[in-house]
Amino acid sequence: MSNPPPKHPRGLALVEILICSSIAAMMLTATALAFRSGIQSYHDNTERNMMVTSGRTALRQIIQEIRTSDAHGPVNDVSLPNATTLFASGQTIECSGMQMLKRMPDIDDPQIIPANPSTWVTLTYTYNSTTKEITKTRQIGVQTPTSMVAASYVQSFLVRMEPTRSAANIAAGDTSFDILLRAVVTLQLANRDDAGKLLNNQGSGSTSLRLIDAAMPRKNFAGL
């Protein structure tokens, strides 16, 4: 009796190859989607952190400068073109800008000489509704001012200022309001404009945040 012929090893059939390829393609697609989701989440978180950090840093700086500066006043804007006049008359006003004067040296400006106006520092904060940015302008004496972006992604910037009369004005019988009693600063941040369009090209998540803080000038308050 003769032995049966040896069996040759059987390869993969075309159907099996197609099934394996389909499974591999699905696994690669799922991996790619998970990776893309992770990248998108990273961009969204980065976008939010940039917006929140920018807003909080700007607000903290503004509040600190309100407390330590020597003189304060509103900035006339489109919504309130006579803000300075109303402030001097004793009305509490709310506008999108503020100006402060530093006549005493501090950590940020140790070069200030109290008796020398050419060394005094004027700080101005204004809001640009087109670029959605808060701009800080710094000027020493009558030198050329320099500007920088203090915060981005800002949908609105409002400063509520409550005026009061200084002891010198009261003693002199001057009825004008010349110093700041208290300021409330509000920043509305968002990474989308009014039409819902992203303000930059990273991320797709919609983020909105409102920041509010208040301050009383230390020098003015001490003299009341």
N, C-alpha and C. Protein backbone atom coordinates (compact mmCIF):
# COMPACT_ATOMS: atom_id res chain seq x y z
N MET A 1 0.85 -1.20 0.00
CA MET A 1 0.00 0.00 0.00
C MET A 1 0.89 1.24 0.00
N SER A 2 0.65 2.10 -0.96
CA SER A 2 1.49 3.30 -1.09
C SER A 2 1.01 4.41 -0.17
N ASN A 3 1.96 5.22 0.29
CA ASN A 3 1.63 6.36 1.16
C ASN A 3 0.99 7.49 0.37
N PRO A 4 0.04 8.25 0.99
CA PRO A 4 -0.60 9.38 0.29
C PRO A 4 0.41 10.48 0.03
N PRO A 5 0.24 11.20 -1.01
CA PRO A 5 1.18 12.30 -1.32
C PRO A 5 1.17 13.36 -0.21
N PRO A 6 2.33 13.94 0.09
CA PRO A 6 2.39 14.96 1.16
C PRO A 6 1.53 16.18 0.84
N LYS A 7 0.93 16.70 1.90
CA LYS A 7 0.09 17.90 1.74
C LYS A 7 0.97 19.15 1.67
N HIS A 8 0.70 19.96 0.69
CA HIS A 8 1.45 21.22 0.57
C HIS A 8 0.82 22.29 1.49
N PRO A 9 1.65 23.14 2.12
CA PRO A 9 1.07 24.19 3.00
C PRO A 9 0.14 25.11 2.21
N ARG A 10 -0.96 25.43 2.84
CA ARG A 10 -1.99 26.24 2.18
C ARG A 10 -1.78 27.72 2.51
N GLY A 11 -1.77 28.61 1.52
CA GLY A 11 -1.62 30.04 1.73
C GLY A 11 -2.96 30.71 2.01
N LEU A 12 -2.89 32.05 2.20
CA LEU A 12 -4.10 32.81 2.45
C LEU A 12 -4.88 33.01 1.16
N ALA A 13 -6.16 32.82 1.28
CA ALA A 13 -7.01 33.06 0.13
C ALA A 13 -7.24 34.56 -0.04
N LEU A 14 -7.70 34.94 -1.21
CA LEU A 14 -7.93 36.35 -1.49
C LEU A 14 -8.95 36.95 -0.53
N VAL A 15 -9.98 36.18 -0.21
CA VAL A 15 -11.01 36.67 0.70
C VAL A 15 -10.42 36.94 2.08
N GLU A 16 -9.56 36.05 2.54
CA GLU A 16 -8.94 36.24 3.85
C GLU A 16 -8.04 37.47 3.88
N ILE A 17 -7.31 37.68 2.76
CA ILE A 17 -6.45 38.86 2.68
C ILE A 17 -7.28 40.14 2.73
N LEU A 18 -8.40 40.14 2.02
CA LEU A 18 -9.27 41.32 2.03
C LEU A 18 -9.85 41.58 3.41
N ILE A 19 -10.24 40.51 4.11
CA ILE A 19 -10.79 40.67 5.47
C ILE A 19 -9.74 41.24 6.41
N CYS A 20 -8.52 40.70 6.34
CA CYS A 20 -7.43 41.21 7.19
C CYS A 20 -7.12 42.67 6.87
N SER A 21 -7.12 43.00 5.59
CA SER A 21 -6.85 44.38 5.20
C SER A 21 -7.93 45.32 5.73
N SER A 22 -9.19 44.85 5.66
CA SER A 22 -10.29 45.68 6.16
C SER A 22 -10.17 45.91 7.65
N ILE A 23 -9.83 44.86 8.39
CA ILE A 23 -9.67 44.99 9.84
C ILE A 23 -8.53 45.93 10.18
N ALA A 24 -7.42 45.80 9.47
CA ALA A 24 -6.27 46.67 9.70
C ALA A 24 -6.61 48.12 9.38
N ALA A 25 -7.36 48.33 8.29
CA ALA A 25 -7.75 49.69 7.92
C ALA A 25 -8.65 50.32 8.97
N MET A 26 -9.58 49.52 9.53
CA MET A 26 -10.47 50.04 10.56
C MET A 26 -9.68 50.40 11.82
N MET A 27 -8.71 49.55 12.17
CA MET A 27 -7.90 49.83 13.36
C MET A 27 -7.06 51.10 13.16
N LEU A 28 -6.48 51.26 11.97
CA LEU A 28 -5.69 52.45 11.70
C LEU A 28 -6.57 53.71 11.70
N THR A 29 -7.78 53.57 11.14
CA THR A 29 -8.71 54.71 11.13
C THR A 29 -9.09 55.12 12.55
N ALA A 30 -9.39 54.12 13.40
CA ALA A 30 -9.75 54.42 14.79
C ALA A 30 -8.58 55.08 15.52
N THR A 31 -7.37 54.58 15.26
CA THR A 31 -6.19 55.18 15.89
C THR A 31 -5.99 56.62 15.44
N ALA A 32 -6.18 56.85 14.13
CA ALA A 32 -6.02 58.20 13.60
C ALA A 32 -7.05 59.16 14.18
N LEU A 33 -8.30 58.68 14.31
CA LEU A 33 -9.35 59.52 14.88
C LEU A 33 -9.05 59.85 16.34
N ALA A 34 -8.57 58.86 17.09
CA ALA A 34 -8.23 59.09 18.49
C ALA A 34 -7.07 60.09 18.60
N PHE A 35 -6.08 59.95 17.72
CA PHE A 35 -4.94 60.87 17.72
C PHE A 35 -5.38 62.28 17.36
N ARG A 36 -6.26 62.37 16.35
CA ARG A 36 -6.75 63.68 15.94
C ARG A 36 -7.56 64.33 17.05
N SER A 37 -8.35 63.53 17.75
CA SER A 37 -9.14 64.06 18.85
C SER A 37 -8.23 64.58 19.97
N GLY A 38 -7.14 63.86 20.22
CA GLY A 38 -6.19 64.31 21.24
C GLY A 38 -5.53 65.62 20.85
N ILE A 39 -5.15 65.74 19.58
CA ILE A 39 -4.54 66.98 19.10
C ILE A 39 -5.52 68.14 19.19
N GLN A 40 -6.79 67.87 18.80
CA GLN A 40 -7.82 68.90 18.86
C GLN A 40 -8.05 69.36 20.29
N SER A 41 -8.09 68.38 21.21
CA SER A 41 -8.27 68.71 22.62
C SER A 41 -7.10 69.54 23.14
N TYR A 42 -5.90 69.20 22.69
CA TYR A 42 -4.72 69.96 23.11
C TYR A 42 -4.80 71.40 22.61
N HIS A 43 -5.21 71.57 21.34
CA HIS A 43 -5.34 72.91 20.78
C HIS A 43 -6.41 73.71 21.54
N ASP A 44 -7.53 73.06 21.84
CA ASP A 44 -8.60 73.74 22.56
C ASP A 44 -8.13 74.19 23.94
N ASN A 45 -7.44 73.30 24.65
CA ASN A 45 -6.95 73.63 25.99
C ASN A 45 -5.90 74.73 25.92
N THR A 46 -5.03 74.67 24.91
CA THR A 46 -4.02 75.70 24.74
C THR A 46 -4.66 77.05 24.48
N GLU A 47 -5.68 77.03 23.62
CA GLU A 47 -6.41 78.26 23.28
C GLU A 47 -7.06 78.87 24.52
N ARG A 48 -7.72 78.02 25.29
CA ARG A 48 -8.39 78.51 26.50
C ARG A 48 -7.37 79.05 27.51
N ASN A 49 -6.28 78.31 27.70
CA ASN A 49 -5.28 78.76 28.66
C ASN A 49 -4.66 80.08 28.25
N MET A 50 -4.41 80.26 26.95
CA MET A 50 -3.86 81.53 26.47
C MET A 50 -4.83 82.67 26.74
N MET A 51 -6.10 82.44 26.48
CA MET A 51 -7.10 83.47 26.67
C MET A 51 -7.26 83.83 28.15
N VAL A 52 -7.37 82.80 29.00
CA VAL A 52 -7.57 83.03 30.43
C VAL A 52 -6.33 83.69 31.04
N THR A 53 -5.16 83.21 30.67
CA THR A 53 -3.92 83.78 31.21
C THR A 53 -3.77 85.23 30.79
N SER A 54 -4.05 85.51 29.52
CA SER A 54 -3.95 86.89 29.02
C SER A 54 -4.90 87.81 29.77
N GLY A 55 -6.15 87.38 29.94
CA GLY A 55 -7.13 88.21 30.62
C GLY A 55 -6.82 88.41 32.09
N ARG A 56 -6.46 87.35 32.80
CA ARG A 56 -6.17 87.46 34.23
C ARG A 56 -4.92 88.28 34.49
N THR A 57 -3.92 88.11 33.64
CA THR A 57 -2.69 88.90 33.81
C THR A 57 -2.97 90.38 33.62
N ALA A 58 -3.74 90.71 32.58
CA ALA A 58 -4.08 92.10 32.32
C ALA A 58 -4.91 92.69 33.45
N LEU A 59 -5.91 91.94 33.92
CA LEU A 59 -6.77 92.44 35.00
C LEU A 59 -5.96 92.66 36.28
N ARG A 60 -5.10 91.70 36.61
CA ARG A 60 -4.28 91.83 37.81
C ARG A 60 -3.36 93.05 37.72
N GLN A 61 -2.81 93.29 36.54
CA GLN A 61 -1.92 94.43 36.36
C GLN A 61 -2.68 95.74 36.48
N ILE A 62 -3.86 95.81 35.86
CA ILE A 62 -4.66 97.04 35.93
C ILE A 62 -5.05 97.35 37.37
N ILE A 63 -5.52 96.34 38.09
CA ILE A 63 -5.94 96.54 39.48
C ILE A 63 -4.76 97.00 40.34
N GLN A 64 -3.61 96.38 40.14
CA GLN A 64 -2.43 96.77 40.90
C GLN A 64 -2.03 98.22 40.62
N GLU A 65 -2.11 98.62 39.36
CA GLU A 65 -1.73 99.99 39.00
C GLU A 65 -2.75 101.01 39.50
N ILE A 66 -4.02 100.63 39.57
CA ILE A 66 -5.02 101.52 40.15
C ILE A 66 -4.70 101.78 41.61
N ARG A 67 -4.31 100.74 42.32
CA ARG A 67 -4.03 100.88 43.75
C ARG A 67 -2.80 101.73 44.04
N THR A 68 -1.80 101.64 43.19
CA THR A 68 -0.51 102.27 43.49
C THR A 68 -0.28 103.60 42.78
N SER A 69 -1.06 103.94 41.77
CA SER A 69 -0.84 105.21 41.07
C SER A 69 -1.42 106.37 41.86
N ASP A 70 -1.02 107.59 41.46
CA ASP A 70 -1.35 108.78 42.24
C ASP A 70 -2.58 109.53 41.74
N ALA A 71 -2.86 109.43 40.46
CA ALA A 71 -4.01 110.14 39.89
C ALA A 71 -4.68 109.24 38.86
N HIS A 72 -6.00 109.40 38.73
CA HIS A 72 -6.78 108.52 37.85
C HIS A 72 -7.84 109.32 37.11
N GLY A 73 -8.20 108.83 35.96
CA GLY A 73 -9.25 109.47 35.19
C GLY A 73 -9.72 108.59 34.06
N PRO A 74 -10.92 108.81 33.58
CA PRO A 74 -11.43 108.03 32.44
C PRO A 74 -10.85 108.51 31.13
N VAL A 75 -11.05 107.70 30.11
CA VAL A 75 -10.66 108.06 28.75
C VAL A 75 -11.93 108.25 27.92
N ASN A 76 -12.06 109.38 27.26
CA ASN A 76 -13.23 109.61 26.41
C ASN A 76 -13.24 108.60 25.27
N ASP A 77 -14.36 107.91 25.10
CA ASP A 77 -14.48 106.95 24.01
C ASP A 77 -15.73 107.24 23.19
N VAL A 78 -16.02 106.38 22.22
CA VAL A 78 -17.16 106.60 21.34
C VAL A 78 -18.47 106.55 22.11
N SER A 79 -18.57 105.60 23.05
CA SER A 79 -19.82 105.45 23.79
C SER A 79 -20.02 106.55 24.83
N LEU A 80 -18.92 107.15 25.30
CA LEU A 80 -19.01 108.20 26.32
C LEU A 80 -17.95 109.27 26.01
N PRO A 81 -18.21 110.13 25.03
CA PRO A 81 -17.20 111.10 24.61
C PRO A 81 -16.90 112.18 25.64
N ASN A 82 -17.77 112.36 26.62
CA ASN A 82 -17.55 113.38 27.65
C ASN A 82 -17.30 112.74 29.01
N ALA A 83 -16.64 111.60 29.03
CA ALA A 83 -16.42 110.86 30.27
C ALA A 83 -15.64 111.67 31.29
N THR A 84 -14.60 112.39 30.85
CA THR A 84 -13.79 113.17 31.78
C THR A 84 -14.59 114.30 32.42
N THR A 85 -15.46 114.92 31.64
CA THR A 85 -16.29 116.00 32.18
C THR A 85 -17.30 115.47 33.20
N LEU A 86 -17.92 114.34 32.87
CA LEU A 86 -18.89 113.74 33.80
C LEU A 86 -18.21 113.30 35.08
N PHE A 87 -17.01 112.75 34.95
CA PHE A 87 -16.27 112.32 36.14
C PHE A 87 -15.97 113.51 37.05
N ALA A 88 -15.54 114.61 36.47
CA ALA A 88 -15.22 115.81 37.25
C ALA A 88 -16.45 116.42 37.91
N SER A 89 -17.63 116.17 37.32
CA SER A 89 -18.87 116.70 37.89
C SER A 89 -19.41 115.82 39.01
N GLY A 90 -18.81 114.67 39.23
CA GLY A 90 -19.23 113.80 40.33
C GLY A 90 -20.05 112.60 39.93
N GLN A 91 -20.22 112.37 38.63
CA GLN A 91 -21.01 111.23 38.18
C GLN A 91 -20.13 109.97 38.08
N THR A 92 -20.72 108.87 38.50
CA THR A 92 -20.07 107.58 38.29
C THR A 92 -20.21 107.21 36.82
N ILE A 93 -19.11 106.93 36.18
CA ILE A 93 -19.15 106.67 34.75
C ILE A 93 -18.60 105.28 34.46
N GLU A 94 -18.95 104.79 33.28
CA GLU A 94 -18.46 103.49 32.83
C GLU A 94 -18.04 103.63 31.37
N CYS A 95 -16.75 103.43 31.11
CA CYS A 95 -16.24 103.59 29.76
C CYS A 95 -15.22 102.48 29.48
N SER A 96 -14.65 102.51 28.29
CA SER A 96 -13.75 101.44 27.87
C SER A 96 -12.29 101.85 27.92
N GLY A 97 -11.97 102.78 28.81
CA GLY A 97 -10.59 103.21 28.93
C GLY A 97 -10.32 103.91 30.24
N MET A 98 -9.05 103.91 30.64
CA MET A 98 -8.67 104.53 31.90
C MET A 98 -7.24 105.05 31.80
N GLN A 99 -6.99 106.17 32.48
CA GLN A 99 -5.66 106.75 32.50
C GLN A 99 -5.21 106.94 33.95
N MET A 100 -3.93 106.64 34.19
CA MET A 100 -3.37 106.76 35.53
C MET A 100 -2.03 107.48 35.48
N LEU A 101 -1.71 108.19 36.54
CA LEU A 101 -0.45 108.92 36.62
C LEU A 101 0.32 108.47 37.86
N LYS A 102 1.58 108.14 37.64
CA LYS A 102 2.46 107.72 38.74
C LYS A 102 3.49 108.82 38.98
N ARG A 103 3.46 109.38 40.20
CA ARG A 103 4.40 110.44 40.56
C ARG A 103 5.38 110.02 41.64
N MET A 104 5.26 108.77 42.07
CA MET A 104 6.14 108.24 43.09
C MET A 104 6.84 107.00 42.57
N PRO A 105 8.12 106.79 42.91
CA PRO A 105 8.84 105.61 42.43
C PRO A 105 8.30 104.33 43.05
N ASP A 106 8.37 103.24 42.30
CA ASP A 106 8.00 101.94 42.82
C ASP A 106 8.89 100.89 42.15
N ILE A 107 8.53 99.62 42.31
CA ILE A 107 9.36 98.55 41.76
C ILE A 107 9.42 98.62 40.24
N ASP A 108 8.28 98.93 39.61
CA ASP A 108 8.24 98.99 38.15
C ASP A 108 8.91 100.24 37.59
N ASP A 109 8.83 101.34 38.32
CA ASP A 109 9.39 102.61 37.85
C ASP A 109 10.22 103.27 38.94
N PRO A 110 11.39 102.70 39.24
CA PRO A 110 12.23 103.29 40.30
C PRO A 110 12.87 104.61 39.90
N GLN A 111 12.82 104.95 38.60
CA GLN A 111 13.48 106.17 38.12
C GLN A 111 12.66 107.42 38.37
N ILE A 112 11.42 107.28 38.85
CA ILE A 112 10.55 108.45 39.06
C ILE A 112 11.11 109.32 40.19
N ILE A 113 11.18 110.61 39.92
CA ILE A 113 11.56 111.59 40.94
C ILE A 113 10.32 112.43 41.25
N PRO A 114 9.78 112.35 42.46
CA PRO A 114 8.51 113.04 42.77
C PRO A 114 8.48 114.51 42.40
N ALA A 115 9.59 115.22 42.54
CA ALA A 115 9.61 116.66 42.25
C ALA A 115 9.90 116.97 40.79
N ASN A 116 10.09 115.94 39.97
CA ASN A 116 10.45 116.15 38.57
C ASN A 116 9.37 115.57 37.65
N PRO A 117 8.47 116.41 37.13
CA PRO A 117 7.38 115.90 36.28
C PRO A 117 7.85 115.19 35.02
N SER A 118 9.06 115.48 34.57
CA SER A 118 9.56 114.82 33.35
C SER A 118 9.84 113.34 33.58
N THR A 119 9.83 112.92 34.85
CA THR A 119 10.04 111.49 35.15
C THR A 119 8.75 110.77 35.51
N TRP A 120 7.65 111.52 35.62
CA TRP A 120 6.38 110.89 35.96
C TRP A 120 5.92 109.98 34.82
N VAL A 121 5.18 108.95 35.17
CA VAL A 121 4.75 107.94 34.19
C VAL A 121 3.22 107.98 34.05
N THR A 122 2.77 108.10 32.81
CA THR A 122 1.34 108.06 32.50
C THR A 122 1.01 106.72 31.86
N LEU A 123 0.04 106.04 32.41
CA LEU A 123 -0.41 104.74 31.90
C LEU A 123 -1.83 104.87 31.38
N THR A 124 -2.07 104.40 30.17
CA THR A 124 -3.40 104.49 29.57
C THR A 124 -3.81 103.12 29.04
N TYR A 125 -5.00 102.70 29.40
CA TYR A 125 -5.57 101.44 28.89
C TYR A 125 -6.77 101.78 28.01
N THR A 126 -6.76 101.27 26.79
CA THR A 126 -7.88 101.48 25.87
C THR A 126 -8.26 100.16 25.22
N TYR A 127 -9.49 100.12 24.71
CA TYR A 127 -10.00 98.89 24.09
C TYR A 127 -10.23 99.09 22.61
N ASN A 128 -9.76 98.12 21.82
CA ASN A 128 -9.97 98.14 20.36
C ASN A 128 -11.00 97.08 20.02
N SER A 129 -12.20 97.51 19.66
CA SER A 129 -13.27 96.56 19.38
C SER A 129 -13.06 95.81 18.06
N THR A 130 -12.20 96.32 17.21
CA THR A 130 -11.93 95.66 15.93
C THR A 130 -10.99 94.48 16.10
N THR A 131 -9.91 94.70 16.82
CA THR A 131 -8.93 93.63 17.04
C THR A 131 -9.22 92.80 18.28
N LYS A 132 -10.21 93.23 19.08
CA LYS A 132 -10.57 92.54 20.32
C LYS A 132 -9.39 92.51 21.29
N GLU A 133 -8.72 93.64 21.41
CA GLU A 133 -7.54 93.72 22.27
C GLU A 133 -7.60 94.93 23.19
N ILE A 134 -6.95 94.78 24.36
CA ILE A 134 -6.73 95.91 25.25
C ILE A 134 -5.29 96.38 25.05
N THR A 135 -5.12 97.66 24.79
CA THR A 135 -3.79 98.22 24.56
C THR A 135 -3.36 99.05 25.76
N LYS A 136 -2.13 98.82 26.18
CA LYS A 136 -1.54 99.60 27.27
C LYS A 136 -0.50 100.55 26.68
N THR A 137 -0.65 101.85 26.97
CA THR A 137 0.29 102.85 26.51
C THR A 137 1.01 103.45 27.71
N ARG A 138 2.31 103.53 27.61
CA ARG A 138 3.15 104.03 28.71
C ARG A 138 3.96 105.22 28.21
N GLN A 139 3.92 106.31 28.98
CA GLN A 139 4.64 107.51 28.59
C GLN A 139 5.36 108.09 29.80
N ILE A 140 6.64 108.39 29.63
CA ILE A 140 7.43 109.03 30.67
C ILE A 140 7.54 110.51 30.34
N GLY A 141 7.00 111.35 31.21
CA GLY A 141 7.03 112.79 30.97
C GLY A 141 6.39 113.14 29.64
N VAL A 142 7.14 113.83 28.78
CA VAL A 142 6.64 114.20 27.46
C VAL A 142 7.34 113.38 26.36
N GLN A 143 7.97 112.29 26.76
CA GLN A 143 8.64 111.44 25.78
C GLN A 143 7.61 110.74 24.89
N THR A 144 8.10 110.15 23.80
CA THR A 144 7.22 109.42 22.89
C THR A 144 6.63 108.21 23.61
N PRO A 145 5.32 108.05 23.63
CA PRO A 145 4.72 106.91 24.32
C PRO A 145 4.97 105.60 23.59
N THR A 146 4.98 104.53 24.34
CA THR A 146 5.11 103.19 23.78
C THR A 146 3.85 102.39 24.11
N SER A 147 3.44 101.54 23.17
CA SER A 147 2.20 100.77 23.35
C SER A 147 2.47 99.29 23.21
N MET A 148 1.66 98.50 23.88
CA MET A 148 1.74 97.05 23.80
C MET A 148 0.34 96.47 24.01
N VAL A 149 0.14 95.24 23.54
CA VAL A 149 -1.14 94.56 23.74
C VAL A 149 -1.15 93.95 25.14
N ALA A 150 -2.10 94.38 25.96
CA ALA A 150 -2.19 93.87 27.33
C ALA A 150 -3.03 92.61 27.42
N ALA A 151 -4.02 92.46 26.53
CA ALA A 151 -4.90 91.29 26.55
C ALA A 151 -5.54 91.11 25.19
N SER A 152 -5.71 89.84 24.80
CA SER A 152 -6.38 89.51 23.55
C SER A 152 -7.67 88.74 23.84
N TYR A 153 -8.44 88.44 22.79
CA TYR A 153 -9.71 87.71 22.88
C TYR A 153 -10.74 88.47 23.73
N VAL A 154 -10.64 89.78 23.84
CA VAL A 154 -11.52 90.57 24.71
C VAL A 154 -12.74 91.02 23.92
N GLN A 155 -13.91 90.57 24.35
CA GLN A 155 -15.16 90.98 23.70
C GLN A 155 -15.66 92.32 24.22
N SER A 156 -15.36 92.62 25.48
CA SER A 156 -15.72 93.92 26.03
C SER A 156 -14.79 94.24 27.20
N PHE A 157 -14.53 95.53 27.37
CA PHE A 157 -13.67 96.01 28.45
C PHE A 157 -14.32 97.26 29.01
N LEU A 158 -14.76 97.19 30.26
CA LEU A 158 -15.45 98.31 30.88
C LEU A 158 -14.81 98.64 32.23
N VAL A 159 -14.65 99.94 32.47
CA VAL A 159 -14.12 100.42 33.74
C VAL A 159 -15.17 101.34 34.36
N ARG A 160 -15.68 100.92 35.50
CA ARG A 160 -16.66 101.74 36.23
C ARG A 160 -15.91 102.54 37.29
N MET A 161 -16.00 103.87 37.19
CA MET A 161 -15.21 104.74 38.06
C MET A 161 -16.12 105.62 38.91
N GLU A 162 -15.90 105.57 40.22
CA GLU A 162 -16.67 106.38 41.17
C GLU A 162 -15.77 107.52 41.65
N PRO A 163 -16.11 108.77 41.35
CA PRO A 163 -15.26 109.90 41.75
C PRO A 163 -15.57 110.39 43.16
N THR A 164 -14.65 111.12 43.70
CA THR A 164 -14.86 111.80 44.97
C THR A 164 -14.00 113.04 45.01
N ARG A 165 -14.17 113.88 46.03
CA ARG A 165 -13.40 115.12 46.16
C ARG A 165 -12.23 114.91 47.11
N SER A 166 -11.11 115.47 46.74
CA SER A 166 -9.94 115.37 47.60
C SER A 166 -10.09 116.30 48.79
N ALA A 167 -9.28 116.03 49.81
CA ALA A 167 -9.31 116.89 51.00
C ALA A 167 -8.91 118.32 50.64
N ALA A 168 -8.00 118.46 49.68
CA ALA A 168 -7.58 119.81 49.27
C ALA A 168 -8.72 120.57 48.61
N ASN A 169 -9.50 119.89 47.77
CA ASN A 169 -10.64 120.55 47.12
C ASN A 169 -11.71 120.92 48.13
N ILE A 170 -11.95 120.04 49.08
CA ILE A 170 -12.96 120.32 50.10
C ILE A 170 -12.55 121.53 50.93
N ALA A 171 -11.27 121.56 51.32
CA ALA A 171 -10.78 122.68 52.13
C ALA A 171 -10.82 124.00 51.36
N ALA A 172 -10.60 123.93 50.05
CA ALA A 172 -10.59 125.14 49.23
C ALA A 172 -11.98 125.52 48.75
N GLY A 173 -12.97 124.71 49.04
CA GLY A 173 -14.32 125.00 48.57
C GLY A 173 -14.53 124.70 47.11
N ASP A 174 -13.64 123.92 46.51
CA ASP A 174 -13.75 123.54 45.10
C ASP A 174 -14.74 122.38 44.99
N THR A 175 -15.78 122.56 44.18
CA THR A 175 -16.83 121.54 44.10
C THR A 175 -16.54 120.45 43.08
N SER A 176 -15.45 120.55 42.37
CA SER A 176 -15.14 119.53 41.37
C SER A 176 -14.61 118.26 42.04
N PHE A 177 -14.87 117.14 41.38
CA PHE A 177 -14.43 115.83 41.86
C PHE A 177 -13.12 115.50 41.13
N ASP A 178 -12.07 115.34 41.91
CA ASP A 178 -10.75 115.26 41.30
C ASP A 178 -9.99 113.95 41.55
N ILE A 179 -10.53 113.07 42.39
CA ILE A 179 -9.83 111.82 42.64
C ILE A 179 -10.80 110.63 42.53
N LEU A 180 -10.22 109.47 42.42
CA LEU A 180 -11.01 108.24 42.27
C LEU A 180 -11.26 107.60 43.63
N LEU A 181 -12.52 107.27 43.88
CA LEU A 181 -12.87 106.56 45.10
C LEU A 181 -12.72 105.06 44.91
N ARG A 182 -13.30 104.55 43.81
CA ARG A 182 -13.22 103.11 43.54
C ARG A 182 -13.42 102.86 42.06
N ALA A 183 -12.77 101.81 41.57
CA ALA A 183 -12.93 101.40 40.17
C ALA A 183 -13.27 99.92 40.12
N VAL A 184 -14.20 99.58 39.23
CA VAL A 184 -14.57 98.18 38.99
C VAL A 184 -14.24 97.88 37.53
N VAL A 185 -13.40 96.89 37.32
CA VAL A 185 -12.94 96.54 35.97
C VAL A 185 -13.58 95.22 35.56
N THR A 186 -14.18 95.20 34.36
CA THR A 186 -14.83 93.99 33.85
C THR A 186 -14.27 93.66 32.48
N LEU A 187 -13.85 92.40 32.32
CA LEU A 187 -13.37 91.90 31.03
C LEU A 187 -14.25 90.73 30.61
N GLN A 188 -14.77 90.78 29.42
CA GLN A 188 -15.51 89.66 28.84
C GLN A 188 -14.64 89.04 27.76
N LEU A 189 -14.21 87.80 27.99
CA LEU A 189 -13.31 87.12 27.07
C LEU A 189 -14.06 86.04 26.31
N ALA A 190 -13.71 85.84 25.05
CA ALA A 190 -14.29 84.77 24.23
C ALA A 190 -13.39 84.52 23.04
N ASN A 191 -13.32 83.27 22.61
CA ASN A 191 -12.49 82.94 21.45
C ASN A 191 -13.28 82.94 20.15
N ARG A 192 -14.50 83.47 20.20
CA ARG A 192 -15.32 83.63 18.99
C ARG A 192 -15.86 85.04 18.94
N ASP A 193 -16.07 85.55 17.73
CA ASP A 193 -16.63 86.88 17.60
C ASP A 193 -18.15 86.83 17.67
N ASP A 194 -18.80 87.95 17.45
CA ASP A 194 -20.26 88.02 17.56
C ASP A 194 -20.95 87.13 16.54
N ALA A 195 -20.29 86.84 15.42
CA ALA A 195 -20.87 85.99 14.39
C ALA A 195 -20.59 84.51 14.62
N GLY A 196 -19.87 84.18 15.70
CA GLY A 196 -19.56 82.79 16.00
C GLY A 196 -18.30 82.27 15.36
N LYS A 197 -17.53 83.16 14.73
CA LYS A 197 -16.31 82.75 14.06
C LYS A 197 -15.14 82.76 15.03
N LEU A 198 -14.30 81.71 14.95
CA LEU A 198 -13.12 81.64 15.80
C LEU A 198 -12.19 82.83 15.53
N LEU A 199 -11.60 83.36 16.59
CA LEU A 199 -10.72 84.49 16.44
C LEU A 199 -9.30 84.09 16.06
N ASN A 200 -9.00 82.80 16.12
CA ASN A 200 -7.70 82.32 15.64
C ASN A 200 -7.91 80.97 14.99
N ASN A 201 -6.85 80.34 14.51
CA ASN A 201 -6.96 79.12 13.72
C ASN A 201 -6.74 77.85 14.50
N GLN A 202 -6.59 77.93 15.80
CA GLN A 202 -6.36 76.73 16.60
C GLN A 202 -7.59 76.41 17.43
N GLY A 203 -7.91 75.12 17.45
CA GLY A 203 -9.02 74.68 18.29
C GLY A 203 -10.37 74.96 17.67
N SER A 204 -11.37 74.28 18.19
CA SER A 204 -12.73 74.45 17.69
C SER A 204 -13.73 74.64 18.81
N GLY A 205 -13.27 74.55 20.06
CA GLY A 205 -14.19 74.69 21.18
C GLY A 205 -14.51 76.14 21.44
N SER A 206 -15.75 76.40 21.80
CA SER A 206 -16.19 77.76 22.11
C SER A 206 -15.97 78.02 23.60
N THR A 207 -15.23 79.06 23.92
CA THR A 207 -14.89 79.38 25.30
C THR A 207 -15.26 80.82 25.61
N SER A 208 -15.89 81.03 26.74
CA SER A 208 -16.27 82.38 27.17
C SER A 208 -16.02 82.51 28.66
N LEU A 209 -15.52 83.67 29.07
CA LEU A 209 -15.17 83.88 30.47
C LEU A 209 -15.33 85.35 30.81
N ARG A 210 -15.87 85.61 32.00
CA ARG A 210 -16.04 86.98 32.47
C ARG A 210 -15.22 87.17 33.74
N LEU A 211 -14.38 88.22 33.73
CA LEU A 211 -13.53 88.52 34.86
C LEU A 211 -13.89 89.89 35.42
N ILE A 212 -14.04 89.97 36.74
CA ILE A 212 -14.40 91.23 37.40
C ILE A 212 -13.53 91.39 38.64
N ASP A 213 -13.04 92.61 38.84
CA ASP A 213 -12.29 92.93 40.06
C ASP A 213 -12.45 94.41 40.34
N ALA A 214 -12.24 94.78 41.60
CA ALA A 214 -12.39 96.18 42.01
C ALA A 214 -11.18 96.59 42.83
N ALA A 215 -10.93 97.90 42.85
CA ALA A 215 -9.78 98.42 43.60
C ALA A 215 -10.06 99.85 44.04
N MET A 216 -9.45 100.21 45.16
CA MET A 216 -9.47 101.58 45.65
C MET A 216 -8.04 102.08 45.71
N PRO A 217 -7.76 103.26 45.18
CA PRO A 217 -6.40 103.79 45.24
C PRO A 217 -5.94 103.94 46.69
N ARG A 218 -4.80 103.38 46.99
CA ARG A 218 -4.31 103.40 48.37
C ARG A 218 -4.02 104.81 48.85
N LYS A 219 -3.41 105.64 48.00
CA LYS A 219 -3.07 107.00 48.41
C LYS A 219 -4.33 107.85 48.59
N ASN A 220 -5.27 107.72 47.63
CA ASN A 220 -6.50 108.50 47.73
C ASN A 220 -7.34 108.08 48.93
N PHE A 221 -7.44 106.77 49.11
CA PHE A 221 -8.28 106.25 50.19
C PHE A 221 -7.71 106.63 51.55
N ALA A 222 -6.40 106.65 51.66
CA ALA A 222 -5.77 106.98 52.94
C ALA A 222 -6.02 108.44 53.32
N GLY A 223 -6.29 109.26 52.29
CA GLY A 223 -6.48 110.68 52.58
C GLY A 223 -7.92 111.10 52.78
N LEU A 224 -8.86 110.16 52.70
CA LEU A 224 -10.27 110.51 52.85
C LEU A 224 -10.65 110.67 54.32
